[in-house]
Amino acid sequence: MTYRAEQVWETFKGELIVEPTDDMKEALAAAIREIANCFEWDSYGLAELCADDFNEIANELEAL
């Protein structure tokens, strides 16, 4: 596992009240991919992103 992936996984696990499972890891990966789909990509496969974009999605998710 890369450092970035490990940091995300450890943060996710830290918010759980039950033991993490492989299904949870797969669900987290799917959610991250869906976040990528929220952005507009140019013909080079690049998107203009900033931290505020991710924080906005996180805030909206918490408000559900």
PDB file of N, CA and C in Angstrom:
ATOM      1  N   MET A   1       0.858  -1.169   0.000  1.00  0.00           N
ATOM      2  CA  MET A   1       0.000   0.000   0.000  1.00  0.00           C
ATOM      3  C   MET A   1       0.909   1.238   0.000  1.00  0.00           C
ATOM      4  N   THR A   2       0.580   2.190  -0.842  1.00  0.00           N
ATOM      5  CA  THR A   2       1.384   3.412  -0.885  1.00  0.00           C
ATOM      6  C   THR A   2       1.097   4.261   0.350  1.00  0.00           C
ATOM      7  N   TYR A   3       1.959   5.224   0.589  1.00  0.00           N
ATOM      8  CA  TYR A   3       1.800   6.106   1.748  1.00  0.00           C
ATOM      9  C   TYR A   3       0.458   6.827   1.696  1.00  0.00           C
ATOM     10  N   ARG A   4       0.101   7.387   0.524  1.00  0.00           N
ATOM     11  CA  ARG A   4      -1.162   8.131   0.420  1.00  0.00           C
ATOM     12  C   ARG A   4      -2.346   7.230   0.693  1.00  0.00           C
ATOM     13  N   ALA A   5      -2.353   6.055   0.085  1.00  0.00           N
ATOM     14  CA  ALA A   5      -3.467   5.125   0.289  1.00  0.00           C
ATOM     15  C   ALA A   5      -3.542   4.700   1.754  1.00  0.00           C
ATOM     16  N   GLU A   6      -2.391   4.466   2.355  1.00  0.00           N
ATOM     17  CA  GLU A   6      -2.363   4.066   3.763  1.00  0.00           C
ATOM     18  C   GLU A   6      -2.908   5.165   4.663  1.00  0.00           C
ATOM     19  N   GLN A   7      -2.565   6.417   4.372  1.00  0.00           N
ATOM     20  CA  GLN A   7      -3.063   7.533   5.165  1.00  0.00           C
ATOM     21  C   GLN A   7      -4.587   7.640   5.064  1.00  0.00           C
ATOM     22  N   VAL A   8      -5.123   7.498   3.865  1.00  0.00           N
ATOM     23  CA  VAL A   8      -6.575   7.556   3.672  1.00  0.00           C
ATOM     24  C   VAL A   8      -7.244   6.405   4.414  1.00  0.00           C
ATOM     25  N   TRP A   9      -6.709   5.198   4.278  1.00  0.00           N
ATOM     26  CA  TRP A   9      -7.290   4.030   4.920  1.00  0.00           C
ATOM     27  C   TRP A   9      -7.240   4.164   6.445  1.00  0.00           C
ATOM     28  N   GLU A  10      -6.125   4.619   6.977  1.00  0.00           N
ATOM     29  CA  GLU A  10      -5.998   4.779   8.423  1.00  0.00           C
ATOM     30  C   GLU A  10      -6.969   5.845   8.946  1.00  0.00           C
ATOM     31  N   THR A  11      -7.135   6.928   8.205  1.00  0.00           N
ATOM     32  CA  THR A  11      -8.092   7.961   8.598  1.00  0.00           C
ATOM     33  C   THR A  11      -9.506   7.405   8.581  1.00  0.00           C
ATOM     34  N   PHE A  12      -9.845   6.676   7.540  1.00  0.00           N
ATOM     35  CA  PHE A  12     -11.162   6.054   7.431  1.00  0.00           C
ATOM     36  C   PHE A  12     -11.399   5.105   8.606  1.00  0.00           C
ATOM     37  N   LYS A  13     -10.438   4.240   8.885  1.00  0.00           N
ATOM     38  CA  LYS A  13     -10.583   3.282   9.985  1.00  0.00           C
ATOM     39  C   LYS A  13     -10.744   3.992  11.322  1.00  0.00           C
ATOM     40  N   GLY A  14     -10.070   5.137  11.476  1.00  0.00           N
ATOM     41  CA  GLY A  14     -10.150   5.890  12.721  1.00  0.00           C
ATOM     42  C   GLY A  14     -11.536   6.448  13.003  1.00  0.00           C
ATOM     43  N   GLU A  15     -12.365   6.561  11.977  1.00  0.00           N
ATOM     44  CA  GLU A  15     -13.725   7.081  12.138  1.00  0.00           C
ATOM     45  C   GLU A  15     -14.763   5.975  12.346  1.00  0.00           C
ATOM     46  N   LEU A  16     -14.351   4.728  12.217  1.00  0.00           N
ATOM     47  CA  LEU A  16     -15.289   3.608  12.342  1.00  0.00           C
ATOM     48  C   LEU A  16     -15.551   3.244  13.794  1.00  0.00           C
ATOM     49  N   ILE A  17     -16.748   2.707  14.044  1.00  0.00           N
ATOM     50  CA  ILE A  17     -17.062   2.199  15.384  1.00  0.00           C
ATOM     51  C   ILE A  17     -17.079   0.677  15.389  1.00  0.00           C
ATOM     52  N   VAL A  18     -16.820   0.064  14.230  1.00  0.00           N
ATOM     53  CA  VAL A  18     -16.718  -1.388  14.098  1.00  0.00           C
ATOM     54  C   VAL A  18     -15.386  -1.713  13.432  1.00  0.00           C
ATOM     55  N   GLU A  19     -15.015  -2.961  13.466  1.00  0.00           N
ATOM     56  CA  GLU A  19     -13.767  -3.381  12.836  1.00  0.00           C
ATOM     57  C   GLU A  19     -13.877  -3.222  11.315  1.00  0.00           C
ATOM     58  N   PRO A  20     -12.841  -2.682  10.677  1.00  0.00           N
ATOM     59  CA  PRO A  20     -12.878  -2.520   9.222  1.00  0.00           C
ATOM     60  C   PRO A  20     -12.798  -3.867   8.511  1.00  0.00           C
ATOM     61  N   THR A  21     -13.417  -3.929   7.339  1.00  0.00           N
ATOM     62  CA  THR A  21     -13.409  -5.147   6.535  1.00  0.00           C
ATOM     63  C   THR A  21     -12.888  -4.825   5.135  1.00  0.00           C
ATOM     64  N   ASP A  22     -12.592  -5.874   4.385  1.00  0.00           N
ATOM     65  CA  ASP A  22     -12.182  -5.674   2.997  1.00  0.00           C
ATOM     66  C   ASP A  22     -13.303  -5.037   2.188  1.00  0.00           C
ATOM     67  N   ASP A  23     -14.559  -5.360   2.516  1.00  0.00           N
ATOM     68  CA  ASP A  23     -15.691  -4.736   1.827  1.00  0.00           C
ATOM     69  C   ASP A  23     -15.690  -3.228   2.038  1.00  0.00           C
ATOM     70  N   MET A  24     -15.357  -2.800   3.228  1.00  0.00           N
ATOM     71  CA  MET A  24     -15.291  -1.367   3.515  1.00  0.00           C
ATOM     72  C   MET A  24     -14.193  -0.706   2.699  1.00  0.00           C
ATOM     73  N   LYS A  25     -13.058  -1.387   2.571  1.00  0.00           N
ATOM     74  CA  LYS A  25     -11.956  -0.843   1.789  1.00  0.00           C
ATOM     75  C   LYS A  25     -12.375  -0.697   0.322  1.00  0.00           C
ATOM     76  N   GLU A  26     -13.078  -1.697  -0.194  1.00  0.00           N
ATOM     77  CA  GLU A  26     -13.568  -1.634  -1.575  1.00  0.00           C
ATOM     78  C   GLU A  26     -14.598  -0.518  -1.731  1.00  0.00           C
ATOM     79  N   ALA A  27     -15.459  -0.332  -0.745  1.00  0.00           N
ATOM     80  CA  ALA A  27     -16.464   0.734  -0.802  1.00  0.00           C
ATOM     81  C   ALA A  27     -15.792   2.102  -0.763  1.00  0.00           C
ATOM     82  N   LEU A  28     -14.771   2.248   0.043  1.00  0.00           N
ATOM     83  CA  LEU A  28     -14.035   3.506   0.109  1.00  0.00           C
ATOM     84  C   LEU A  28     -13.377   3.800  -1.235  1.00  0.00           C
ATOM     85  N   ALA A  29     -12.766   2.799  -1.845  1.00  0.00           N
ATOM     86  CA  ALA A  29     -12.135   2.987  -3.152  1.00  0.00           C
ATOM     87  C   ALA A  29     -13.172   3.387  -4.195  1.00  0.00           C
ATOM     88  N   ALA A  30     -14.346   2.764  -4.165  1.00  0.00           N
ATOM     89  CA  ALA A  30     -15.411   3.106  -5.110  1.00  0.00           C
ATOM     90  C   ALA A  30     -15.874   4.549  -4.894  1.00  0.00           C
ATOM     91  N   ALA A  31     -15.967   4.970  -3.642  1.00  0.00           N
ATOM     92  CA  ALA A  31     -16.384   6.340  -3.342  1.00  0.00           C
ATOM     93  C   ALA A  31     -15.354   7.347  -3.855  1.00  0.00           C
ATOM     94  N   ILE A  32     -14.084   7.033  -3.706  1.00  0.00           N
ATOM     95  CA  ILE A  32     -13.042   7.930  -4.203  1.00  0.00           C
ATOM     96  C   ILE A  32     -13.113   8.034  -5.720  1.00  0.00           C
ATOM     97  N   ARG A  33     -13.365   6.916  -6.381  1.00  0.00           N
ATOM     98  CA  ARG A  33     -13.518   6.954  -7.844  1.00  0.00           C
ATOM     99  C   ARG A  33     -14.721   7.804  -8.247  1.00  0.00           C
ATOM    100  N   GLU A  34     -15.802   7.728  -7.484  1.00  0.00           N
ATOM    101  CA  GLU A  34     -16.986   8.542  -7.779  1.00  0.00           C
ATOM    102  C   GLU A  34     -16.682  10.018  -7.585  1.00  0.00           C
ATOM    103  N   ILE A  35     -15.867  10.352  -6.599  1.00  0.00           N
ATOM    104  CA  ILE A  35     -15.457  11.739  -6.414  1.00  0.00           C
ATOM    105  C   ILE A  35     -14.717  12.218  -7.662  1.00  0.00           C
ATOM    106  N   ALA A  36     -13.833  11.389  -8.193  1.00  0.00           N
ATOM    107  CA  ALA A  36     -13.115  11.766  -9.417  1.00  0.00           C
ATOM    108  C   ALA A  36     -14.093  12.031 -10.558  1.00  0.00           C
ATOM    109  N   ASN A  37     -15.187  11.284 -10.610  1.00  0.00           N
ATOM    110  CA  ASN A  37     -16.188  11.467 -11.660  1.00  0.00           C
ATOM    111  C   ASN A  37     -16.960  12.774 -11.508  1.00  0.00           C
ATOM    112  N   CYS A  38     -16.899  13.405 -10.347  1.00  0.00           N
ATOM    113  CA  CYS A  38     -17.601  14.665 -10.108  1.00  0.00           C
ATOM    114  C   CYS A  38     -16.943  15.841 -10.815  1.00  0.00           C
ATOM    115  N   PHE A  39     -15.720  15.670 -11.265  1.00  0.00           N
ATOM    116  CA  PHE A  39     -14.975  16.772 -11.858  1.00  0.00           C
ATOM    117  C   PHE A  39     -14.969  16.668 -13.377  1.00  0.00           C
ATOM    118  N   GLU A  40     -14.815  17.806 -14.023  1.00  0.00           N
ATOM    119  CA  GLU A  40     -14.714  17.843 -15.478  1.00  0.00           C
ATOM    120  C   GLU A  40     -13.258  17.639 -15.874  1.00  0.00           C
ATOM    121  N   TRP A  41     -13.050  16.740 -16.810  1.00  0.00           N
ATOM    122  CA  TRP A  41     -11.699  16.391 -17.244  1.00  0.00           C
ATOM    123  C   TRP A  41     -11.485  16.914 -18.655  1.00  0.00           C
ATOM    124  N   ASP A  42     -10.284  17.405 -18.949  1.00  0.00           N
ATOM    125  CA  ASP A  42     -10.001  17.864 -20.300  1.00  0.00           C
ATOM    126  C   ASP A  42      -9.530  16.700 -21.165  1.00  0.00           C
ATOM    127  N   SER A  43      -9.214  16.979 -22.414  1.00  0.00           N
ATOM    128  CA  SER A  43      -8.835  15.917 -23.356  1.00  0.00           C
ATOM    129  C   SER A  43      -7.522  15.235 -22.983  1.00  0.00           C
ATOM    130  N   TYR A  44      -6.759  15.830 -22.078  1.00  0.00           N
ATOM    131  CA  TYR A  44      -5.512  15.234 -21.631  1.00  0.00           C
ATOM    132  C   TYR A  44      -5.693  14.399 -20.366  1.00  0.00           C
ATOM    133  N   GLY A  45      -6.927  14.301 -19.893  1.00  0.00           N
ATOM    134  CA  GLY A  45      -7.186  13.551 -18.676  1.00  0.00           C
ATOM    135  C   GLY A  45      -6.845  14.320 -17.416  1.00  0.00           C
ATOM    136  N   LEU A  46      -6.835  15.641 -17.512  1.00  0.00           N
ATOM    137  CA  LEU A  46      -6.498  16.483 -16.368  1.00  0.00           C
ATOM    138  C   LEU A  46      -7.721  17.253 -15.913  1.00  0.00           C
ATOM    139  N   ALA A  47      -7.797  17.483 -14.628  1.00  0.00           N
ATOM    140  CA  ALA A  47      -8.879  18.288 -14.058  1.00  0.00           C
ATOM    141  C   ALA A  47      -8.255  19.343 -13.159  1.00  0.00           C
ATOM    142  N   GLU A  48      -8.868  20.510 -13.143  1.00  0.00           N
ATOM    143  CA  GLU A  48      -8.395  21.558 -12.247  1.00  0.00           C
ATOM    144  C   GLU A  48      -9.102  21.384 -10.908  1.00  0.00           C
ATOM    145  N   LEU A  49      -8.342  21.033  -9.891  1.00  0.00           N
ATOM    146  CA  LEU A  49      -8.903  20.738  -8.580  1.00  0.00           C
ATOM    147  C   LEU A  49      -8.205  21.558  -7.512  1.00  0.00           C
ATOM    148  N   CYS A  50      -8.912  21.796  -6.433  1.00  0.00           N
ATOM    149  CA  CYS A  50      -8.286  22.404  -5.264  1.00  0.00           C
ATOM    150  C   CYS A  50      -8.885  21.741  -4.015  1.00  0.00           C
ATOM    151  N   ALA A  51      -8.244  21.946  -2.899  1.00  0.00           N
ATOM    152  CA  ALA A  51      -8.695  21.318  -1.658  1.00  0.00           C
ATOM    153  C   ALA A  51     -10.127  21.700  -1.324  1.00  0.00           C
ATOM    154  N   ASP A  52     -10.517  22.929  -1.652  1.00  0.00           N
ATOM    155  CA  ASP A  52     -11.883  23.366  -1.366  1.00  0.00           C
ATOM    156  C   ASP A  52     -12.919  22.495  -2.060  1.00  0.00           C
ATOM    157  N   ASP A  53     -12.596  22.008  -3.270  1.00  0.00           N
ATOM    158  CA  ASP A  53     -13.518  21.125  -3.984  1.00  0.00           C
ATOM    159  C   ASP A  53     -13.803  19.858  -3.168  1.00  0.00           C
ATOM    160  N   PHE A  54     -12.753  19.282  -2.607  1.00  0.00           N
ATOM    161  CA  PHE A  54     -12.913  18.062  -1.826  1.00  0.00           C
ATOM    162  C   PHE A  54     -13.611  18.331  -0.501  1.00  0.00           C
ATOM    163  N   ASN A  55     -13.287  19.450   0.129  1.00  0.00           N
ATOM    164  CA  ASN A  55     -13.948  19.812   1.384  1.00  0.00           C
ATOM    165  C   ASN A  55     -15.437  20.063   1.161  1.00  0.00           C
ATOM    166  N   GLU A  56     -15.790  20.661   0.034  1.00  0.00           N
ATOM    167  CA  GLU A  56     -17.198  20.896  -0.277  1.00  0.00           C
ATOM    168  C   GLU A  56     -17.955  19.576  -0.416  1.00  0.00           C
ATOM    169  N   ILE A  57     -17.359  18.618  -1.103  1.00  0.00           N
ATOM    170  CA  ILE A  57     -17.992  17.306  -1.232  1.00  0.00           C
ATOM    171  C   ILE A  57     -18.130  16.640   0.130  1.00  0.00           C
ATOM    172  N   ALA A  58     -17.086  16.717   0.956  1.00  0.00           N
ATOM    173  CA  ALA A  58     -17.137  16.119   2.294  1.00  0.00           C
ATOM    174  C   ALA A  58     -18.230  16.763   3.141  1.00  0.00           C
ATOM    175  N   ASN A  59     -18.340  18.072   3.076  1.00  0.00           N
ATOM    176  CA  ASN A  59     -19.387  18.770   3.836  1.00  0.00           C
ATOM    177  C   ASN A  59     -20.766  18.367   3.360  1.00  0.00           C
ATOM    178  N   GLU A  60     -20.952  18.262   2.050  1.00  0.00           N
ATOM    179  CA  GLU A  60     -22.245  17.849   1.512  1.00  0.00           C
ATOM    180  C   GLU A  60     -22.575  16.413   1.930  1.00  0.00           C
ATOM    181  N   LEU A  61     -21.565  15.564   1.940  1.00  0.00           N
ATOM    182  CA  LEU A  61     -21.771  14.170   2.352  1.00  0.00           C
ATOM    183  C   LEU A  61     -22.197  14.083   3.810  1.00  0.00           C
ATOM    184  N   GLU A  62     -21.528  14.851   4.669  1.00  0.00           N
ATOM    185  CA  GLU A  62     -21.887  14.841   6.084  1.00  0.00           C
ATOM    186  C   GLU A  62     -23.298  15.371   6.314  1.00  0.00           C
ATOM    187  N   ALA A  63     -23.761  16.249   5.437  1.00  0.00           N
ATOM    188  CA  ALA A  63     -25.093  16.853   5.584  1.00  0.00           C
ATOM    189  C   ALA A  63     -26.222  15.927   5.104  1.00  0.00           C
ATOM    190  N   LEU A  64     -25.878  14.851   4.423  1.00  0.00           N
ATOM    191  CA  LEU A  64     -26.925  13.932   3.930  1.00  0.00           C
ATOM    192  C   LEU A  64     -27.737  13.336   5.058  1.00  0.00           C
TER     193      LEU A  64
END
